[in-house]
Protein backbone atom coordinates (compact mmCIF):
# COMPACT_ATOMS: atom_id res chain seq x y z
CA MET A 1 0.00 0.00 0.00
CA SER A 2 1.37 3.39 -0.98
CA PRO A 3 1.94 6.07 1.69
CA ARG A 4 -0.63 8.31 0.00
CA ARG A 5 -3.31 5.62 0.09
CA ARG A 6 -2.45 4.74 3.68
CA ASP A 7 -2.77 8.39 4.72
CA ALA A 8 -6.10 8.69 2.89
CA GLU A 9 -7.50 5.62 4.64
CA SER A 10 -6.26 6.85 8.00
CA THR A 11 -7.94 10.21 7.43
CA ALA A 12 -11.20 8.54 6.38
CA ALA A 13 -11.15 6.35 9.49
CA ALA A 14 -10.56 9.37 11.72
CA ARG A 15 -13.44 11.22 10.11
CA ALA A 16 -15.75 8.23 10.53
CA GLU A 17 -14.78 7.95 14.19
CA ARG A 18 -15.38 11.64 14.77
CA ARG A 19 -18.72 11.41 12.99
CA ALA A 20 -19.78 8.54 15.25
CA GLU A 21 -18.75 10.55 18.32
CA LEU A 22 -20.79 13.53 17.15
CA LEU A 23 -23.84 11.35 16.53
CA ALA A 24 -23.54 9.89 20.03
CA THR A 25 -23.38 13.40 21.48
CA ALA A 26 -26.33 14.57 19.37
CA ALA A 27 -28.38 11.56 20.48
CA GLU A 28 -27.74 12.40 24.15
CA VAL A 29 -28.75 16.03 23.62
CA PHE A 30 -31.87 15.21 21.58
CA ALA A 31 -32.93 12.63 24.16
CA SER A 32 -32.48 14.94 27.14
CA ARG A 33 -33.75 18.23 25.68
CA GLY A 34 -36.11 17.08 22.96
CA TYR A 35 -35.42 17.12 19.24
CA ALA A 36 -37.56 20.14 18.37
CA ALA A 37 -36.18 22.21 21.24
CA THR A 38 -32.53 21.48 20.44
CA THR A 39 -30.55 23.68 18.08
CA VAL A 40 -27.52 22.73 16.01
CA ARG A 41 -25.54 25.18 18.10
CA GLU A 42 -26.45 23.33 21.29
CA VAL A 43 -25.30 20.05 19.80
CA ALA A 44 -22.05 21.69 18.73
CA GLU A 45 -21.52 23.14 22.21
CA ALA A 46 -22.08 19.71 23.76
CA ALA A 47 -19.46 18.35 21.35
CA ASP A 48 -17.10 21.21 22.30
CA MET A 49 -16.96 22.70 18.81
CA LEU A 50 -18.22 25.74 16.94
CA GLY A 51 -21.72 25.57 15.48
CA GLY A 52 -20.51 26.10 11.95
CA SER A 53 -17.97 23.28 12.28
CA LEU A 54 -20.75 20.76 12.76
CA TYR A 55 -21.93 21.39 9.21
CA TYR A 56 -18.66 19.93 7.98
CA HIS A 57 -20.01 16.56 9.10
CA PHE A 58 -23.81 16.96 8.74
CA ASP A 59 -25.89 19.19 6.53
CA SER A 60 -28.74 19.57 9.03
CA LYS A 61 -30.22 18.54 12.36
CA GLU A 62 -32.55 16.24 10.41
CA SER A 63 -29.58 14.36 8.97
CA MET A 64 -28.24 13.69 12.44
CA VAL A 65 -31.47 12.31 13.88
CA ASP A 66 -32.08 10.35 10.67
CA GLU A 67 -28.77 8.53 11.05
CA ILE A 68 -29.37 7.96 14.76
CA LEU A 69 -32.78 6.36 14.20
CA THR A 70 -31.74 4.40 11.12
CA ALA A 71 -28.84 2.83 13.02
CA LEU A 72 -31.17 1.86 15.88
CA LEU A 73 -33.84 0.34 13.66
CA THR A 74 -31.33 -1.54 11.52
CA GLU A 75 -29.83 -3.22 14.58
CA LEU A 76 -33.23 -3.77 16.16
CA TRP A 77 -34.75 -5.53 13.16
CA THR A 78 -31.62 -7.58 12.56
CA ALA A 79 -31.93 -8.90 16.11
CA TYR A 80 -35.69 -9.45 15.91
CA ASP A 81 -35.49 -11.21 12.54
CA LYS A 82 -32.86 -13.57 13.93
CA VAL A 83 -35.18 -14.49 16.80
CA ILE A 84 -38.20 -14.98 14.55
CA GLY A 85 -36.15 -17.12 12.18
CA SER A 86 -34.85 -19.36 14.95
CA ALA A 87 -37.96 -21.58 15.06
CA LEU A 88 -38.28 -21.27 18.83
CA GLY A 89 -41.43 -22.11 20.73
CA THR A 90 -43.86 -19.28 21.39
CA ARG A 91 -42.82 -18.76 25.00
CA GLU A 92 -39.14 -18.80 24.07
CA THR A 93 -39.75 -16.39 21.19
CA PHE A 94 -41.54 -13.98 23.53
CA GLN A 95 -38.67 -14.14 26.01
CA ALA A 96 -36.02 -13.71 23.31
CA LEU A 97 -37.74 -10.67 21.79
CA ILE A 98 -37.99 -9.03 25.19
CA THR A 99 -34.32 -9.74 25.86
CA GLU A 100 -33.27 -8.26 22.52
CA SER A 101 -35.38 -5.19 23.25
CA PHE A 102 -33.56 -4.59 26.51
CA ARG A 103 -30.22 -5.15 24.80
CA MET A 104 -31.14 -2.41 22.33
CA ILE A 105 -31.95 -0.11 25.25
CA ASP A 106 -28.55 -0.90 26.73
CA ARG A 107 -26.70 -0.19 23.46
CA PHE A 108 -28.82 2.67 22.08
CA ARG A 109 -30.60 4.21 25.07
CA PRO A 110 -30.68 7.82 23.78
CA ALA A 111 -31.84 6.67 20.34
CA VAL A 112 -34.64 4.63 21.93
CA VAL A 113 -35.77 7.68 23.91
CA ILE A 114 -35.79 9.74 20.71
CA TYR A 115 -37.75 7.03 18.89
CA GLN A 116 -40.31 6.88 21.67
CA ASN A 117 -40.72 10.61 22.18
CA GLU A 118 -40.22 12.06 18.73
CA SER A 119 -41.52 9.50 16.21
CA LYS A 120 -44.95 11.06 15.75
CA LEU A 121 -43.47 14.50 15.15
CA LEU A 122 -40.74 13.26 12.84
CA ALA A 123 -43.02 10.94 10.86
CA SER A 124 -44.96 13.97 9.62
CA ASN A 125 -41.85 14.75 7.56
CA PRO A 126 -41.65 12.62 4.37
CA ARG A 127 -37.98 11.98 5.10
CA PHE A 128 -39.02 9.93 8.13
CA SER A 129 -41.93 8.06 6.58
CA TYR A 130 -40.08 4.82 7.37
CA LEU A 131 -41.06 5.33 11.01
CA HIS A 132 -44.68 4.56 10.11
CA GLY A 133 -43.58 1.31 8.50
CA SER A 134 -41.43 0.36 11.48
CA ARG A 135 -44.25 0.92 13.95
CA ARG A 136 -46.62 -1.11 11.78
CA ARG A 137 -44.09 -3.91 11.41
CA PHE A 138 -43.43 -3.86 15.14
CA ARG A 139 -47.11 -4.31 15.94
CA GLU A 140 -47.58 -7.05 13.35
CA MET A 141 -44.62 -9.02 14.71
CA TRP A 142 -45.78 -8.88 18.32
CA MET A 143 -49.41 -9.60 17.50
CA SER A 144 -48.34 -12.62 15.47
CA VAL A 145 -46.34 -14.00 18.40
CA LEU A 146 -49.18 -13.42 20.85
CA GLU A 147 -51.83 -14.89 18.54
CA GLN A 148 -49.65 -17.93 17.91
CA GLY A 149 -49.23 -18.35 21.64
CA VAL A 150 -53.00 -18.48 22.07
CA THR A 151 -53.36 -20.91 19.14
CA ASP A 152 -50.69 -23.16 20.62
CA GLY A 153 -52.40 -23.14 23.99
CA VAL A 154 -49.40 -21.43 25.61
CA PHE A 155 -50.99 -18.03 26.33
CA ARG A 156 -54.39 -17.40 27.88
CA ALA A 157 -57.22 -16.92 25.39
CA ASP A 158 -59.26 -14.63 27.63
CA LEU A 159 -56.87 -11.66 27.37
CA ASP A 160 -57.23 -8.77 24.93
CA LEU A 161 -54.17 -9.22 22.75
CA GLY A 162 -54.22 -5.65 21.46
CA LEU A 163 -54.08 -4.37 25.01
CA LEU A 164 -51.41 -6.90 25.93
CA TYR A 165 -49.31 -5.77 22.98
CA ARG A 166 -49.54 -2.11 23.96
CA LEU A 167 -48.72 -2.83 27.59
CA THR A 168 -45.76 -4.98 26.60
CA ARG A 169 -44.46 -2.37 24.15
CA ASP A 170 -44.79 0.58 26.50
CA ASN A 171 -43.49 -1.15 29.61
CA VAL A 172 -40.37 -2.30 27.77
CA TRP A 173 -39.44 0.83 25.87
CA LEU A 174 -40.21 3.29 28.67
CA VAL A 175 -37.40 1.63 30.63
CA ALA A 176 -35.04 3.67 28.44
CA ASN A 177 -36.06 6.75 30.44
CA TRP A 178 -34.44 5.44 33.61
CA TYR A 179 -32.10 2.64 32.55
CA ARG A 180 -28.40 3.01 33.35
CA GLY A 181 -25.74 0.79 31.86
CA ASP A 182 -23.78 0.91 35.12
CA GLY A 183 -26.82 0.11 37.24
CA ARG A 184 -27.27 -2.74 39.67
CA LEU A 185 -28.90 -5.04 37.10
CA SER A 186 -27.76 -5.74 33.56
CA ALA A 187 -30.10 -5.44 30.59
CA GLU A 188 -30.41 -9.23 30.43
CA GLU A 189 -31.25 -9.45 34.15
CA ILE A 190 -33.95 -6.80 33.83
CA ALA A 191 -35.34 -8.63 30.80
CA GLY A 192 -35.42 -11.88 32.76
CA GLN A 193 -37.30 -10.36 35.67
CA TYR A 194 -39.70 -8.54 33.36
CA THR A 195 -40.58 -11.65 31.36
CA ALA A 196 -41.01 -13.65 34.57
CA MET A 197 -43.60 -11.13 35.78
CA VAL A 198 -45.43 -10.89 32.45
CA LEU A 199 -45.47 -14.60 31.74
CA GLU A 200 -46.86 -15.27 35.21
CA GLY A 201 -49.96 -13.38 34.11
CA ILE A 202 -50.39 -14.55 30.51
CA LEU A 203 -49.33 -18.20 30.50
CA ARG A 204 -52.17 -20.68 30.35
CA THR A 205 -52.20 -22.91 33.40
């Protein structure tokens, strides 16, 4: 490899690393202050740089939050699709999906908070129309698991599955508002305790 090519690759790697750092900072600021209320200047200040310098990396605030949410959803659906494709039993699938959800909170907590709090606002912008599709896909996946559980005789048939889905969704994702990676329990331990409590109420005896 020529010195010129090596220098170019090193520069590209440094830029990519800096870009990732800036996205992580932006995600923290958007999550804590709210996307609409946060200015590009505030993100720049949090990253210890001038406001104009941020435009060297991103052309707008929208671009930043777009990349943040796209990265989250890509990882989330990769994990979910792996679970669904594993041919597990219904109970095991339910548990695995919950566990993967908590792992996403552990890895992408600020992005999860943004997704929860800002999706409706952002989805009104055509650029973020994919958020509608993700929410629809999310509901269809969970309803399919719950309905299959009833069909298999694993889950109780007397429960309103739509309500159960909403309670499961909200109780999992709202954890991102208080979860700490350095807390007493790991993401997997919280997932285990959560599924134990939920399954106690929905398993058919």
